[in-house]
Amino acid sequence: MKTAIVTDSTSYLTKEEQEKYNIHVVPIPVVIDGKSYDEGVDISNSEFYEKLNNSKSFPSTSQPPMGKLIELYNQLADEGYDNVISIHLSDTISGFYNSLLTLSKSIDTINIIPFNSKLTVKLMGYLAIEASKLVNAGHSIDQILKELDEIRSTIDEVFVVDDLQNLVRGGRLSNASAFLGSLLKIKPLLTFDEKTNEIVAFEKVRSRKKALKRAEEIFDEKIKNVSYPIKAIIINANDPKSGEDWANSIKELHPHISVEQSYFGPVIGTHLGEKALALGWMIDTDKI
């Protein structure tokens, strides 16, 4: 039995990672001033943020055309794959996963197993990488899904957004009304809620510097009693200098932890806005 791994463009895997682990990436469209762009295909990160700052209307995102998905899955079937584990962004921020559940029942050329990452960005990318490693190690579908569930349970994150307006306009913030009083000087901390998997703002902090410091404190609290090695990922929205500075700070505080950097591309950047930063962490399987 031959199994393929598919994810979407919000995993923000590098081209090298896609090739090394043989991961197929489905681009998600972002719409700016009525024109649709496929993330990672026909719009770069820098082009997106330039357009975001100069667009006449608020950008939006949409699901990939089902026709393109059918074409990909049939292509994989033609290449001799029996199964495909398709790992995608949380169903609480996109209807893509639920659409895929429906689509998977209508395709008989290949066995499609949709997997709800319950998150997004490079943290999801690492789920795809781990799935590929497990496939190459000869694990069964059930074993891979069980392992992915276990890895996903180690993932956590804190987002620091510069402005809540993008999330509010896009309807991606479940408790927006509690945080709309005085947005100018407030830097909210956000995360994926453990019970609902919705993006929630859970704490108000005055100033970005204090918000990053508070995120570090939460990180320290969450990892101090874990029984496995951790790796951290700093993610920035068109603010690589701040991302690098924060990554260096985390390295100094935790020299035993691997600290990597990634970015919010067009689709997630549409909802978080420019200058957002995030600290994500998960089990470091390379150290087990």
C-alpha atoms as a PDB file:
ATOM      1  CA  MET A   1       0.000   0.000   0.000  1.00  0.00           C
ATOM      2  CA  LYS A   2       1.399   3.339  -1.077  1.00  0.00           C
ATOM      3  CA  THR A   3       0.406   6.506   0.832  1.00  0.00           C
ATOM      4  CA  ALA A   4       0.783  10.135  -0.258  1.00  0.00           C
ATOM      5  CA  ILE A   5       0.827  13.204   1.987  1.00  0.00           C
ATOM      6  CA  VAL A   6      -1.066  16.363   1.008  1.00  0.00           C
ATOM      7  CA  THR A   7      -1.371  19.647   2.884  1.00  0.00           C
ATOM      8  CA  ASP A   8      -2.346  23.202   1.994  1.00  0.00           C
ATOM      9  CA  SER A   9      -0.320  26.333   1.437  1.00  0.00           C
ATOM     10  CA  THR A  10      -0.901  27.681   4.972  1.00  0.00           C
ATOM     11  CA  SER A  11       1.600  25.064   6.173  1.00  0.00           C
ATOM     12  CA  TYR A  12       4.279  27.423   4.766  1.00  0.00           C
ATOM     13  CA  LEU A  13       6.650  24.592   3.974  1.00  0.00           C
ATOM     14  CA  THR A  14       9.708  25.580   1.987  1.00  0.00           C
ATOM     15  CA  LYS A  15      10.162  24.202  -1.519  1.00  0.00           C
ATOM     16  CA  GLU A  16      13.089  22.179  -0.170  1.00  0.00           C
ATOM     17  CA  GLU A  17      10.904  20.607   2.524  1.00  0.00           C
ATOM     18  CA  GLN A  18       8.160  19.811   0.027  1.00  0.00           C
ATOM     19  CA  GLU A  19      10.645  18.039  -2.226  1.00  0.00           C
ATOM     20  CA  LYS A  20      12.607  16.310   0.538  1.00  0.00           C
ATOM     21  CA  TYR A  21       9.496  14.821   2.157  1.00  0.00           C
ATOM     22  CA  ASN A  22       7.468  14.427  -1.051  1.00  0.00           C
ATOM     23  CA  ILE A  23       4.588  16.531   0.285  1.00  0.00           C
ATOM     24  CA  HIS A  24       1.978  17.814  -2.160  1.00  0.00           C
ATOM     25  CA  VAL A  25       0.708  21.327  -1.379  1.00  0.00           C
ATOM     26  CA  VAL A  26      -2.718  22.653  -2.378  1.00  0.00           C
ATOM     27  CA  PRO A  27      -2.681  26.461  -2.782  1.00  0.00           C
ATOM     28  CA  ILE A  28      -5.429  28.428  -1.044  1.00  0.00           C
ATOM     29  CA  PRO A  29      -6.694  31.532  -2.867  1.00  0.00           C
ATOM     30  CA  VAL A  30      -6.589  35.035  -1.439  1.00  0.00           C
ATOM     31  CA  VAL A  31      -8.761  37.696  -3.073  1.00  0.00           C
ATOM     32  CA  ILE A  32      -7.564  41.314  -3.238  1.00  0.00           C
ATOM     33  CA  ASP A  33      -9.681  43.989  -4.916  1.00  0.00           C
ATOM     34  CA  GLY A  34     -11.638  41.340  -6.780  1.00  0.00           C
ATOM     35  CA  LYS A  35      -8.608  39.463  -8.119  1.00  0.00           C
ATOM     36  CA  SER A  36      -7.803  35.960  -6.905  1.00  0.00           C
ATOM     37  CA  TYR A  37      -4.224  34.834  -6.241  1.00  0.00           C
ATOM     38  CA  ASP A  38      -3.074  31.318  -5.340  1.00  0.00           C
ATOM     39  CA  GLU A  39      -0.936  31.508  -2.224  1.00  0.00           C
ATOM     40  CA  GLY A  40       2.641  30.459  -2.866  1.00  0.00           C
ATOM     41  CA  VAL A  41       2.069  30.271  -6.622  1.00  0.00           C
ATOM     42  CA  ASP A  42       1.317  33.633  -8.174  1.00  0.00           C
ATOM     43  CA  ILE A  43       1.766  36.046  -5.269  1.00  0.00           C
ATOM     44  CA  SER A  44       4.823  36.351  -3.040  1.00  0.00           C
ATOM     45  CA  ASN A  45       4.808  37.282   0.614  1.00  0.00           C
ATOM     46  CA  SER A  46       6.195  40.767  -0.008  1.00  0.00           C
ATOM     47  CA  GLU A  47       3.781  41.370  -2.901  1.00  0.00           C
ATOM     48  CA  PHE A  48       0.846  40.404  -0.721  1.00  0.00           C
ATOM     49  CA  TYR A  49       1.674  42.774   2.128  1.00  0.00           C
ATOM     50  CA  GLU A  50       2.274  45.606  -0.317  1.00  0.00           C
ATOM     51  CA  LYS A  51      -1.153  44.947  -1.838  1.00  0.00           C
ATOM     52  CA  LEU A  52      -2.678  44.612   1.637  1.00  0.00           C
ATOM     53  CA  ASN A  53      -1.486  48.095   2.550  1.00  0.00           C
ATOM     54  CA  ASN A  54      -2.762  49.594  -0.695  1.00  0.00           C
ATOM     55  CA  SER A  55      -5.925  47.632  -1.392  1.00  0.00           C
ATOM     56  CA  LYS A  56      -9.217  49.463  -1.872  1.00  0.00           C
ATOM     57  CA  SER A  57     -11.215  46.788  -0.073  1.00  0.00           C
ATOM     58  CA  PHE A  58     -10.522  44.321   2.728  1.00  0.00           C
ATOM     59  CA  PRO A  59      -8.930  41.129   1.276  1.00  0.00           C
ATOM     60  CA  SER A  60     -10.630  37.784   1.687  1.00  0.00           C
ATOM     61  CA  THR A  61      -9.769  34.127   1.331  1.00  0.00           C
ATOM     62  CA  SER A  62     -11.623  31.239  -0.263  1.00  0.00           C
ATOM     63  CA  GLN A  63     -11.405  27.476  -0.528  1.00  0.00           C
ATOM     64  CA  PRO A  64      -9.430  25.842  -3.334  1.00  0.00           C
ATOM     65  CA  PRO A  65     -11.590  24.814  -6.294  1.00  0.00           C
ATOM     66  CA  MET A  66     -12.795  21.261  -5.770  1.00  0.00           C
ATOM     67  CA  GLY A  67     -11.885  20.523  -9.386  1.00  0.00           C
ATOM     68  CA  LYS A  68      -8.217  21.120  -8.636  1.00  0.00           C
ATOM     69  CA  LEU A  69      -8.384  18.786  -5.646  1.00  0.00           C
ATOM     70  CA  ILE A  70     -10.032  16.048  -7.680  1.00  0.00           C
ATOM     71  CA  GLU A  71      -7.342  16.490 -10.322  1.00  0.00           C
ATOM     72  CA  LEU A  72      -4.579  16.154  -7.719  1.00  0.00           C
ATOM     73  CA  TYR A  73      -6.058  13.050  -6.068  1.00  0.00           C
ATOM     74  CA  ASN A  74      -6.621  11.367  -9.436  1.00  0.00           C
ATOM     75  CA  GLN A  75      -3.046  12.206 -10.414  1.00  0.00           C
ATOM     76  CA  LEU A  76      -1.801  10.553  -7.224  1.00  0.00           C
ATOM     77  CA  ALA A  77      -3.922   7.500  -8.000  1.00  0.00           C
ATOM     78  CA  ASP A  78      -2.387   7.351 -11.489  1.00  0.00           C
ATOM     79  CA  GLU A  79       1.064   7.460  -9.867  1.00  0.00           C
ATOM     80  CA  GLY A  80       0.224   4.296  -7.943  1.00  0.00           C
ATOM     81  CA  TYR A  81      -0.849   5.697  -4.572  1.00  0.00           C
ATOM     82  CA  ASP A  82      -3.573   3.782  -2.738  1.00  0.00           C
ATOM     83  CA  ASN A  83      -4.114   6.293   0.074  1.00  0.00           C
ATOM     84  CA  VAL A  84      -3.658   9.994   0.701  1.00  0.00           C
ATOM     85  CA  ILE A  85      -3.545  11.609   4.129  1.00  0.00           C
ATOM     86  CA  SER A  86      -4.679  15.184   3.510  1.00  0.00           C
ATOM     87  CA  ILE A  87      -3.686  17.499   6.398  1.00  0.00           C
ATOM     88  CA  HIS A  88      -5.357  20.907   6.461  1.00  0.00           C
ATOM     89  CA  LEU A  89      -5.975  24.071   8.444  1.00  0.00           C
ATOM     90  CA  SER A  90      -8.478  24.064  11.290  1.00  0.00           C
ATOM     91  CA  ASP A  91     -12.153  23.739  10.435  1.00  0.00           C
ATOM     92  CA  THR A  92     -12.807  26.687  12.779  1.00  0.00           C
ATOM     93  CA  ILE A  93     -11.071  29.128  10.425  1.00  0.00           C
ATOM     94  CA  SER A  94     -11.959  27.583   7.059  1.00  0.00           C
ATOM     95  CA  GLY A  95     -14.634  25.347   5.584  1.00  0.00           C
ATOM     96  CA  PHE A  96     -11.976  23.531   3.555  1.00  0.00           C
ATOM     97  CA  TYR A  97     -11.674  20.495   5.839  1.00  0.00           C
ATOM     98  CA  ASN A  98     -15.448  19.902   5.897  1.00  0.00           C
ATOM     99  CA  SER A  99     -15.641  20.291   2.115  1.00  0.00           C
ATOM    100  CA  LEU A 100     -12.870  17.725   1.825  1.00  0.00           C
ATOM    101  CA  LEU A 101     -14.782  15.303   4.050  1.00  0.00           C
ATOM    102  CA  THR A 102     -17.688  15.480   1.607  1.00  0.00           C
ATOM    103  CA  LEU A 103     -15.445  15.242  -1.451  1.00  0.00           C
ATOM    104  CA  SER A 104     -13.578  12.212  -0.089  1.00  0.00           C
ATOM    105  CA  LYS A 105     -16.793  10.172  -0.134  1.00  0.00           C
ATOM    106  CA  SER A 106     -17.308  10.770  -3.837  1.00  0.00           C
ATOM    107  CA  ILE A 107     -13.858   9.749  -5.102  1.00  0.00           C
ATOM    108  CA  ASP A 108     -13.213   6.065  -5.598  1.00  0.00           C
ATOM    109  CA  THR A 109      -9.855   6.164  -7.384  1.00  0.00           C
ATOM    110  CA  ILE A 110      -7.942   6.628  -4.130  1.00  0.00           C
ATOM    111  CA  ASN A 111      -8.663   6.384  -0.401  1.00  0.00           C
ATOM    112  CA  ILE A 112      -8.666   9.958   0.961  1.00  0.00           C
ATOM    113  CA  ILE A 113      -8.152  10.426   4.701  1.00  0.00           C
ATOM    114  CA  PRO A 114      -8.803  14.075   5.691  1.00  0.00           C
ATOM    115  CA  PHE A 115      -6.950  15.171   8.844  1.00  0.00           C
ATOM    116  CA  ASN A 116      -8.015  18.288  10.749  1.00  0.00           C
ATOM    117  CA  SER A 117      -4.808  19.854  12.063  1.00  0.00           C
ATOM    118  CA  LYS A 118      -6.898  22.060  14.391  1.00  0.00           C
ATOM    119  CA  LEU A 119      -4.382  24.831  13.701  1.00  0.00           C
ATOM    120  CA  THR A 120      -2.366  26.157  10.768  1.00  0.00           C
ATOM    121  CA  VAL A 121       0.999  27.718   9.753  1.00  0.00           C
ATOM    122  CA  LYS A 122       4.341  25.935  10.126  1.00  0.00           C
ATOM    123  CA  LEU A 123       3.068  23.999  13.145  1.00  0.00           C
ATOM    124  CA  MET A 124       0.715  22.244  10.720  1.00  0.00           C
ATOM    125  CA  GLY A 125       3.603  21.966   8.273  1.00  0.00           C
ATOM    126  CA  TYR A 126       5.474  19.878  10.794  1.00  0.00           C
ATOM    127  CA  LEU A 127       2.502  17.529  11.100  1.00  0.00           C
ATOM    128  CA  ALA A 128       2.793  16.935   7.353  1.00  0.00           C
ATOM    129  CA  ILE A 129       6.539  16.352   7.667  1.00  0.00           C
ATOM    130  CA  GLU A 130       6.037  13.877  10.514  1.00  0.00           C
ATOM    131  CA  ALA A 131       3.359  12.069   8.503  1.00  0.00           C
ATOM    132  CA  SER A 132       5.796  11.730   5.601  1.00  0.00           C
ATOM    133  CA  LYS A 133       8.481  10.332   7.903  1.00  0.00           C
ATOM    134  CA  LEU A 134       6.028   7.791   9.303  1.00  0.00           C
ATOM    135  CA  VAL A 135       4.976   6.737   5.808  1.00  0.00           C
ATOM    136  CA  ASN A 136       8.610   6.226   4.833  1.00  0.00           C
ATOM    137  CA  ALA A 137       9.179   4.204   8.015  1.00  0.00           C
ATOM    138  CA  GLY A 138       6.445   1.791   6.931  1.00  0.00           C
ATOM    139  CA  HIS A 139       3.765   2.635   9.496  1.00  0.00           C
ATOM    140  CA  SER A 140       0.139   1.771   8.825  1.00  0.00           C
ATOM    141  CA  ILE A 141      -2.529   4.429   8.268  1.00  0.00           C
ATOM    142  CA  ASP A 142      -3.950   3.840  11.763  1.00  0.00           C
ATOM    143  CA  GLN A 143      -0.501   4.132  13.332  1.00  0.00           C
ATOM    144  CA  ILE A 144       0.197   7.366  11.446  1.00  0.00           C
ATOM    145  CA  LEU A 145      -3.105   8.963  12.458  1.00  0.00           C
ATOM    146  CA  LYS A 146      -2.580   7.940  16.086  1.00  0.00           C
ATOM    147  CA  GLU A 147       0.924   9.434  16.060  1.00  0.00           C
ATOM    148  CA  LEU A 148      -0.326  12.635  14.422  1.00  0.00           C
ATOM    149  CA  ASP A 149      -2.958  12.984  17.146  1.00  0.00           C
ATOM    150  CA  GLU A 150      -0.281  12.572  19.799  1.00  0.00           C
ATOM    151  CA  ILE A 151       2.045  15.113  18.164  1.00  0.00           C
ATOM    152  CA  ARG A 152      -0.825  17.562  17.694  1.00  0.00           C
ATOM    153  CA  SER A 153      -1.587  17.321  21.424  1.00  0.00           C
ATOM    154  CA  THR A 154       1.890  18.727  22.188  1.00  0.00           C
ATOM    155  CA  ILE A 155       1.360  21.838  20.057  1.00  0.00           C
ATOM    156  CA  ASP A 156       0.542  25.197  21.586  1.00  0.00           C
ATOM    157  CA  GLU A 157       0.888  28.813  20.535  1.00  0.00           C
ATOM    158  CA  VAL A 158       0.466  32.465  21.486  1.00  0.00           C
ATOM    159  CA  PHE A 159      -0.254  35.113  18.832  1.00  0.00           C
ATOM    160  CA  VAL A 160       0.475  38.791  19.341  1.00  0.00           C
ATOM    161  CA  VAL A 161      -1.421  40.921  16.826  1.00  0.00           C
ATOM    162  CA  ASP A 162      -0.754  44.561  16.121  1.00  0.00           C
ATOM    163  CA  ASP A 163      -4.408  45.256  15.338  1.00  0.00           C
ATOM    164  CA  LEU A 164      -7.521  43.135  15.840  1.00  0.00           C
ATOM    165  CA  GLN A 165      -9.446  44.752  12.997  1.00  0.00           C
ATOM    166  CA  ASN A 166      -8.490  42.137  10.378  1.00  0.00           C
ATOM    167  CA  LEU A 167      -9.649  39.255  12.559  1.00  0.00           C
ATOM    168  CA  VAL A 168     -12.854  41.057  13.457  1.00  0.00           C
ATOM    169  CA  ARG A 169     -13.695  41.929   9.833  1.00  0.00           C
ATOM    170  CA  GLY A 170     -12.989  38.385   8.710  1.00  0.00           C
ATOM    171  CA  GLY A 171     -15.097  36.890  11.500  1.00  0.00           C
ATOM    172  CA  ARG A 172     -12.233  34.679  12.710  1.00  0.00           C
ATOM    173  CA  LEU A 173     -12.194  35.915  16.326  1.00  0.00           C
ATOM    174  CA  SER A 174     -14.868  34.175  18.369  1.00  0.00           C
ATOM    175  CA  ASN A 175     -14.857  36.556  21.359  1.00  0.00           C
ATOM    176  CA  ALA A 176     -14.209  39.817  19.525  1.00  0.00           C
ATOM    177  CA  SER A 177     -16.793  41.883  21.431  1.00  0.00           C
ATOM    178  CA  ALA A 178     -14.870  41.538  24.699  1.00  0.00           C
ATOM    179  CA  PHE A 179     -11.773  43.123  23.185  1.00  0.00           C
ATOM    180  CA  LEU A 180     -13.117  45.959  21.066  1.00  0.00           C
ATOM    181  CA  GLY A 181     -13.268  48.665  23.702  1.00  0.00           C
ATOM    182  CA  SER A 182      -9.872  50.351  23.443  1.00  0.00           C
ATOM    183  CA  LEU A 183      -7.892  48.740  20.650  1.00  0.00           C
ATOM    184  CA  LEU A 184      -5.395  51.515  20.016  1.00  0.00           C
ATOM    185  CA  LYS A 185      -3.039  50.786  22.892  1.00  0.00           C
ATOM    186  CA  ILE A 186      -4.032  47.195  23.575  1.00  0.00           C
ATOM    187  CA  LYS A 187      -1.999  44.288  22.202  1.00  0.00           C
ATOM    188  CA  PRO A 188      -4.204  41.215  22.672  1.00  0.00           C
ATOM    189  CA  LEU A 189      -2.772  37.743  23.129  1.00  0.00           C
ATOM    190  CA  LEU A 190      -4.550  35.077  21.089  1.00  0.00           C
ATOM    191  CA  THR A 191      -4.488  31.313  20.829  1.00  0.00           C
ATOM    192  CA  PHE A 192      -6.477  28.362  19.525  1.00  0.00           C
ATOM    193  CA  ASP A 193      -8.872  27.463  22.342  1.00  0.00           C
ATOM    194  CA  GLU A 194      -8.186  23.965  23.680  1.00  0.00           C
ATOM    195  CA  LYS A 195     -11.876  22.989  23.748  1.00  0.00           C
ATOM    196  CA  THR A 196     -13.336  24.704  20.687  1.00  0.00           C
ATOM    197  CA  ASN A 197     -10.203  25.172  18.509  1.00  0.00           C
ATOM    198  CA  GLU A 198     -11.493  28.652  17.722  1.00  0.00           C
ATOM    199  CA  ILE A 199      -9.114  31.615  17.731  1.00  0.00           C
ATOM    200  CA  VAL A 200      -9.719  33.483  20.973  1.00  0.00           C
ATOM    201  CA  ALA A 201      -8.202  36.572  22.565  1.00  0.00           C
ATOM    202  CA  PHE A 202      -7.462  35.651  26.172  1.00  0.00           C
ATOM    203  CA  GLU A 203      -5.456  38.514  27.621  1.00  0.00           C
ATOM    204  CA  LYS A 204      -4.991  42.265  27.093  1.00  0.00           C
ATOM    205  CA  VAL A 205      -1.500  43.746  27.387  1.00  0.00           C
ATOM    206  CA  ARG A 206      -0.432  47.360  26.911  1.00  0.00           C
ATOM    207  CA  SER A 207       2.452  47.655  24.426  1.00  0.00           C
ATOM    208  CA  ARG A 208       3.970  45.100  22.096  1.00  0.00           C
ATOM    209  CA  LYS A 209       7.073  44.708  24.253  1.00  0.00           C
ATOM    210  CA  LYS A 210       4.977  43.676  27.245  1.00  0.00           C
ATOM    211  CA  ALA A 211       2.884  41.373  25.067  1.00  0.00           C
ATOM    212  CA  LEU A 212       5.976  39.502  23.850  1.00  0.00           C
ATOM    213  CA  LYS A 213       7.258  39.275  27.416  1.00  0.00           C
ATOM    214  CA  ARG A 214       3.923  37.859  28.571  1.00  0.00           C
ATOM    215  CA  ALA A 215       3.977  35.322  25.723  1.00  0.00           C
ATOM    216  CA  GLU A 216       7.418  34.198  26.909  1.00  0.00           C
ATOM    217  CA  GLU A 217       6.077  33.786  30.458  1.00  0.00           C
ATOM    218  CA  ILE A 218       3.192  31.648  29.182  1.00  0.00           C
ATOM    219  CA  PHE A 219       5.653  29.575  27.153  1.00  0.00           C
ATOM    220  CA  ASP A 220       7.814  29.046  30.263  1.00  0.00           C
ATOM    221  CA  GLU A 221       4.800  28.001  32.326  1.00  0.00           C
ATOM    222  CA  LYS A 222       3.530  25.550  29.711  1.00  0.00           C
ATOM    223  CA  ILE A 223       6.832  23.749  29.040  1.00  0.00           C
ATOM    224  CA  LYS A 224       8.376  23.546  32.492  1.00  0.00           C
ATOM    225  CA  ASN A 225       6.818  20.187  33.360  1.00  0.00           C
ATOM    226  CA  VAL A 226       6.709  18.451  29.979  1.00  0.00           C
ATOM    227  CA  SER A 227       8.454  15.096  29.720  1.00  0.00           C
ATOM    228  CA  TYR A 228       9.677  15.460  26.133  1.00  0.00           C
ATOM    229  CA  PRO A 229      12.027  17.792  24.231  1.00  0.00           C
ATOM    230  CA  ILE A 230      10.483  20.961  22.789  1.00  0.00           C
ATOM    231  CA  LYS A 231      11.156  23.027  19.704  1.00  0.00           C
ATOM    232  CA  ALA A 232       9.908  26.584  19.312  1.00  0.00           C
ATOM    233  CA  ILE A 233       8.889  28.450  16.168  1.00  0.00           C
ATOM    234  CA  ILE A 234       8.762  32.229  15.877  1.00  0.00           C
ATOM    235  CA  ILE A 235       6.381  33.377  13.148  1.00  0.00           C
ATOM    236  CA  ASN A 236       6.185  36.899  11.738  1.00  0.00           C
ATOM    237  CA  ALA A 237       3.844  38.789   9.402  1.00  0.00           C
ATOM    238  CA  ASN A 238       6.160  40.781   7.133  1.00  0.00           C
ATOM    239  CA  ASP A 239       8.333  41.749  10.079  1.00  0.00           C
ATOM    240  CA  PRO A 240      11.418  39.505   9.855  1.00  0.00           C
ATOM    241  CA  LYS A 241      13.571  41.799  12.017  1.00  0.00           C
ATOM    242  CA  SER A 242      11.172  41.533  14.963  1.00  0.00           C
ATOM    243  CA  GLY A 243      10.899  37.790  14.346  1.00  0.00           C
ATOM    244  CA  GLU A 244      14.674  37.387  14.413  1.00  0.00           C
ATOM    245  CA  ASP A 245      15.031  39.507  17.540  1.00  0.00           C
ATOM    246  CA  TRP A 246      12.394  37.481  19.351  1.00  0.00           C
ATOM    247  CA  ALA A 247      13.920  34.189  18.219  1.00  0.00           C
ATOM    248  CA  ASN A 248      17.302  35.300  19.570  1.00  0.00           C
ATOM    249  CA  SER A 249      15.673  36.238  22.865  1.00  0.00           C
ATOM    250  CA  ILE A 250      14.051  32.810  23.185  1.00  0.00           C
ATOM    251  CA  LYS A 251      17.394  31.144  22.363  1.00  0.00           C
ATOM    252  CA  GLU A 252      19.115  33.071  25.131  1.00  0.00           C
ATOM    253  CA  LEU A 253      16.434  32.142  27.638  1.00  0.00           C
ATOM    254  CA  HIS A 254      16.304  28.484  26.532  1.00  0.00           C
ATOM    255  CA  PRO A 255      19.652  27.478  25.017  1.00  0.00           C
ATOM    256  CA  HIS A 256      18.664  23.773  25.080  1.00  0.00           C
ATOM    257  CA  ILE A 257      15.611  24.336  22.857  1.00  0.00           C
ATOM    258  CA  SER A 258      15.717  24.472  19.065  1.00  0.00           C
ATOM    259  CA  VAL A 259      14.252  27.787  17.886  1.00  0.00           C
ATOM    260  CA  GLU A 260      13.189  28.198  14.269  1.00  0.00           C
ATOM    261  CA  GLN A 261      11.621  31.021  12.281  1.00  0.00           C
ATOM    262  CA  SER A 262       8.706  31.044   9.867  1.00  0.00           C
ATOM    263  CA  TYR A 263       6.164  33.497   8.506  1.00  0.00           C
ATOM    264  CA  PHE A 264       2.484  34.282   8.067  1.00  0.00           C
ATOM    265  CA  GLY A 265       1.812  34.141   4.346  1.00  0.00           C
ATOM    266  CA  PRO A 266      -1.039  35.810   2.437  1.00  0.00           C
ATOM    267  CA  VAL A 267      -3.938  33.637   3.637  1.00  0.00           C
ATOM    268  CA  ILE A 268      -3.207  33.862   7.367  1.00  0.00           C
ATOM    269  CA  GLY A 269      -1.790  37.370   6.988  1.00  0.00           C
ATOM    270  CA  THR A 270      -5.177  38.439   5.616  1.00  0.00           C
ATOM    271  CA  HIS A 271      -6.726  37.649   8.990  1.00  0.00           C
ATOM    272  CA  LEU A 272      -3.925  38.581  11.393  1.00  0.00           C
ATOM    273  CA  GLY A 273      -2.663  41.680   9.600  1.00  0.00           C
ATOM    274  CA  GLU A 274       0.863  42.975   9.147  1.00  0.00           C
ATOM    275  CA  LYS A 275       3.332  42.971  12.072  1.00  0.00           C
ATOM    276  CA  ALA A 276       1.666  40.056  13.870  1.00  0.00           C
ATOM    277  CA  LEU A 277       4.033  37.735  15.712  1.00  0.00           C
ATOM    278  CA  ALA A 278       3.556  34.287  17.180  1.00  0.00           C
ATOM    279  CA  LEU A 279       5.438  31.897  19.428  1.00  0.00           C
ATOM    280  CA  GLY A 280       4.522  28.292  18.730  1.00  0.00           C
ATOM    281  CA  TRP A 281       5.962  25.129  20.208  1.00  0.00           C
ATOM    282  CA  MET A 282       5.682  21.364  19.930  1.00  0.00           C
ATOM    283  CA  ILE A 283       7.513  18.125  20.620  1.00  0.00           C
ATOM    284  CA  ASP A 284      10.920  17.960  18.969  1.00  0.00           C
ATOM    285  CA  THR A 285      10.806  14.492  17.435  1.00  0.00           C
ATOM    286  CA  ASP A 286      14.368  14.857  16.190  1.00  0.00           C
ATOM    287  CA  LYS A 287      15.585  14.645  19.787  1.00  0.00           C
ATOM    288  CA  ILE A 288      13.644  11.541  20.788  1.00  0.00           C
END
